Amino acid sequence: MINPFTTKFEEVMLQFLAMQGKKQGNKLLEHRIVLMHEEMAELSQVLCKFARGKANLDNHTDIYNLMQEIADVFVVIYPIIKLFGINDEDIATTMVDKVNRAIVRMEGM
């Protein structure tokens, strides 16, 4: 199970967010949202390479690049979660609910 939101990760990210907040003030959320768009676009580009056959699951470099982009998205989304005051447990519960709804839809097919 992937759980990037470990205690150590949270400590480091909250420290980073505090430092960034001092530097950017009330523009912090806006900056993080723009950055999120950029990182999701980069992840999308890497995933499209796999879909088009230009990247390969057996190629360690391709997998490494994918892993880097996934990590970038996690690193950018976590401060956004915190800036909106959402807690990790609510995110986890929502994710489980969404997967359960998908299972129910698939069972009905």
C-alpha atoms as a PDB file:
ATOM      1  CA  MET A   1       0.000   0.000   0.000  1.00  0.00           C
ATOM      2  CA  ILE A   2       1.342   3.400  -0.956  1.00  0.00           C
ATOM      3  CA  ASN A   3       1.158   5.834   1.938  1.00  0.00           C
ATOM      4  CA  PRO A   4       3.197   8.925   1.168  1.00  0.00           C
ATOM      5  CA  PHE A   5       1.575  10.731   4.067  1.00  0.00           C
ATOM      6  CA  THR A   6       3.746   9.250   6.802  1.00  0.00           C
ATOM      7  CA  THR A   7       4.517  11.216   9.944  1.00  0.00           C
ATOM      8  CA  LYS A   8       8.034  12.076   8.730  1.00  0.00           C
ATOM      9  CA  PHE A   9       6.719  13.198   5.342  1.00  0.00           C
ATOM     10  CA  GLU A  10       4.100  15.340   7.072  1.00  0.00           C
ATOM     11  CA  GLU A  11       6.708  16.922   9.362  1.00  0.00           C
ATOM     12  CA  VAL A  12       8.974  17.827   6.458  1.00  0.00           C
ATOM     13  CA  MET A  13       6.097  19.094   4.307  1.00  0.00           C
ATOM     14  CA  LEU A  14       4.612  21.246   7.063  1.00  0.00           C
ATOM     15  CA  GLN A  15       8.052  22.763   7.702  1.00  0.00           C
ATOM     16  CA  PHE A  16       8.415  23.433   3.971  1.00  0.00           C
ATOM     17  CA  LEU A  17       4.919  24.909   3.808  1.00  0.00           C
ATOM     18  CA  ALA A  18       5.637  27.231   6.740  1.00  0.00           C
ATOM     19  CA  MET A  19       8.831  28.452   5.078  1.00  0.00           C
ATOM     20  CA  GLN A  20       7.047  28.964   1.788  1.00  0.00           C
ATOM     21  CA  GLY A  21       4.199  30.779   3.539  1.00  0.00           C
ATOM     22  CA  LYS A  22       6.630  33.298   5.033  1.00  0.00           C
ATOM     23  CA  LYS A  23       8.078  33.919   1.597  1.00  0.00           C
ATOM     24  CA  GLN A  24       4.852  34.061  -0.436  1.00  0.00           C
ATOM     25  CA  GLY A  25       2.250  35.192   2.094  1.00  0.00           C
ATOM     26  CA  ASN A  26      -1.331  35.193   0.827  1.00  0.00           C
ATOM     27  CA  LYS A  27      -0.208  34.121  -2.663  1.00  0.00           C
ATOM     28  CA  LEU A  28       0.819  30.681  -1.339  1.00  0.00           C
ATOM     29  CA  LEU A  29      -2.402  28.856  -2.221  1.00  0.00           C
ATOM     30  CA  GLU A  30      -2.525  30.396  -5.684  1.00  0.00           C
ATOM     31  CA  HIS A  31       1.103  29.397  -6.275  1.00  0.00           C
ATOM     32  CA  ARG A  32       0.483  25.820  -5.101  1.00  0.00           C
ATOM     33  CA  ILE A  33      -2.558  25.453  -7.373  1.00  0.00           C
ATOM     34  CA  VAL A  34      -0.612  26.635 -10.434  1.00  0.00           C
ATOM     35  CA  LEU A  35       2.232  24.307  -9.505  1.00  0.00           C
ATOM     36  CA  MET A  36      -0.257  21.432  -9.168  1.00  0.00           C
ATOM     37  CA  HIS A  37      -1.468  22.021 -12.720  1.00  0.00           C
ATOM     38  CA  GLU A  38       2.117  21.935 -13.977  1.00  0.00           C
ATOM     39  CA  GLU A  39       2.998  18.729 -12.118  1.00  0.00           C
ATOM     40  CA  MET A  40      -0.194  16.948 -13.208  1.00  0.00           C
ATOM     41  CA  ALA A  41       0.574  17.919 -16.810  1.00  0.00           C
ATOM     42  CA  GLU A  42       4.071  16.443 -16.502  1.00  0.00           C
ATOM     43  CA  LEU A  43       2.649  13.218 -15.061  1.00  0.00           C
ATOM     44  CA  SER A  44       0.090  13.121 -17.850  1.00  0.00           C
ATOM     45  CA  GLN A  45       2.854  13.444 -20.454  1.00  0.00           C
ATOM     46  CA  VAL A  46       4.777  10.518 -18.983  1.00  0.00           C
ATOM     47  CA  LEU A  47       1.634   8.377 -18.807  1.00  0.00           C
ATOM     48  CA  CYS A  48       0.811   9.225 -22.421  1.00  0.00           C
ATOM     49  CA  LYS A  49       4.242   7.933 -23.429  1.00  0.00           C
ATOM     50  CA  PHE A  50       3.296   4.567 -21.913  1.00  0.00           C
ATOM     51  CA  ALA A  51      -0.098   4.632 -23.651  1.00  0.00           C
ATOM     52  CA  ARG A  52       1.516   5.385 -27.028  1.00  0.00           C
ATOM     53  CA  GLY A  53       4.190   2.733 -26.577  1.00  0.00           C
ATOM     54  CA  LYS A  54       7.012   5.291 -26.331  1.00  0.00           C
ATOM     55  CA  ALA A  55       7.771   4.204 -22.749  1.00  0.00           C
ATOM     56  CA  ASN A  56       8.044   0.659 -21.470  1.00  0.00           C
ATOM     57  CA  LEU A  57       7.300  -1.044 -18.158  1.00  0.00           C
ATOM     58  CA  ASP A  58      10.498  -3.082 -18.560  1.00  0.00           C
ATOM     59  CA  ASN A  59      12.659   0.019 -18.955  1.00  0.00           C
ATOM     60  CA  HIS A  60      14.023   1.131 -15.581  1.00  0.00           C
ATOM     61  CA  THR A  61      14.533   4.704 -16.799  1.00  0.00           C
ATOM     62  CA  ASP A  62      10.913   4.963 -17.933  1.00  0.00           C
ATOM     63  CA  ILE A  63       9.673   3.610 -14.607  1.00  0.00           C
ATOM     64  CA  TYR A  64      12.014   5.942 -12.720  1.00  0.00           C
ATOM     65  CA  ASN A  65      10.665   8.935 -14.678  1.00  0.00           C
ATOM     66  CA  LEU A  66       7.100   7.851 -13.914  1.00  0.00           C
ATOM     67  CA  MET A  67       7.936   7.452 -10.232  1.00  0.00           C
ATOM     68  CA  GLN A  68       9.502  10.932 -10.148  1.00  0.00           C
ATOM     69  CA  GLU A  69       6.394  12.537 -11.637  1.00  0.00           C
ATOM     70  CA  ILE A  70       4.065  10.658  -9.263  1.00  0.00           C
ATOM     71  CA  ALA A  71       6.214  11.823  -6.345  1.00  0.00           C
ATOM     72  CA  ASP A  72       6.065  15.414  -7.627  1.00  0.00           C
ATOM     73  CA  VAL A  73       2.262  15.282  -7.656  1.00  0.00           C
ATOM     74  CA  PHE A  74       2.186  13.928  -4.092  1.00  0.00           C
ATOM     75  CA  VAL A  75       4.637  16.603  -2.930  1.00  0.00           C
ATOM     76  CA  VAL A  76       2.506  19.357  -4.440  1.00  0.00           C
ATOM     77  CA  ILE A  77      -0.934  18.020  -3.474  1.00  0.00           C
ATOM     78  CA  TYR A  78      -0.148  17.517   0.204  1.00  0.00           C
ATOM     79  CA  PRO A  79       0.350  21.213   1.014  1.00  0.00           C
ATOM     80  CA  ILE A  80      -2.855  21.983  -0.892  1.00  0.00           C
ATOM     81  CA  ILE A  81      -4.699  19.450   1.270  1.00  0.00           C
ATOM     82  CA  LYS A  82      -3.330  21.153   4.379  1.00  0.00           C
ATOM     83  CA  LEU A  83      -4.021  24.687   3.111  1.00  0.00           C
ATOM     84  CA  PHE A  84      -7.676  23.728   2.649  1.00  0.00           C
ATOM     85  CA  GLY A  85      -7.770  22.259   6.159  1.00  0.00           C
ATOM     86  CA  ILE A  86      -8.535  18.711   5.007  1.00  0.00           C
ATOM     87  CA  ASN A  87      -7.192  15.912   7.181  1.00  0.00           C
ATOM     88  CA  ASP A  88      -5.576  12.711   5.962  1.00  0.00           C
ATOM     89  CA  GLU A  89      -8.276  10.470   7.415  1.00  0.00           C
ATOM     90  CA  ASP A  90     -11.009  12.259   5.472  1.00  0.00           C
ATOM     91  CA  ILE A  91      -9.019  11.847   2.260  1.00  0.00           C
ATOM     92  CA  ALA A  92      -8.485   8.135   2.980  1.00  0.00           C
ATOM     93  CA  THR A  93     -12.186   7.641   3.752  1.00  0.00           C
ATOM     94  CA  THR A  94     -13.197   9.432   0.572  1.00  0.00           C
ATOM     95  CA  MET A  95     -10.800   7.296  -1.479  1.00  0.00           C
ATOM     96  CA  VAL A  96     -12.238   4.084  -0.005  1.00  0.00           C
ATOM     97  CA  ASP A  97     -15.782   5.315  -0.678  1.00  0.00           C
ATOM     98  CA  LYS A  98     -14.923   6.052  -4.309  1.00  0.00           C
ATOM     99  CA  VAL A  99     -13.350   2.623  -4.831  1.00  0.00           C
ATOM    100  CA  ASN A 100     -16.341   0.936  -3.196  1.00  0.00           C
ATOM    101  CA  ARG A 101     -18.735   2.807  -5.514  1.00  0.00           C
ATOM    102  CA  ALA A 102     -16.642   1.730  -8.507  1.00  0.00           C
ATOM    103  CA  ILE A 103     -16.848  -1.891  -7.319  1.00  0.00           C
ATOM    104  CA  VAL A 104     -20.629  -1.677  -7.006  1.00  0.00           C
ATOM    105  CA  ARG A 105     -20.865  -0.203 -10.542  1.00  0.00           C
ATOM    106  CA  MET A 106     -18.634  -2.971 -11.943  1.00  0.00           C
ATOM    107  CA  GLU A 107     -20.681  -5.678 -10.221  1.00  0.00           C
ATOM    108  CA  GLY A 108     -23.793  -4.250 -11.884  1.00  0.00           C
ATOM    109  CA  MET A 109     -22.316  -4.596 -15.372  1.00  0.00           C
END
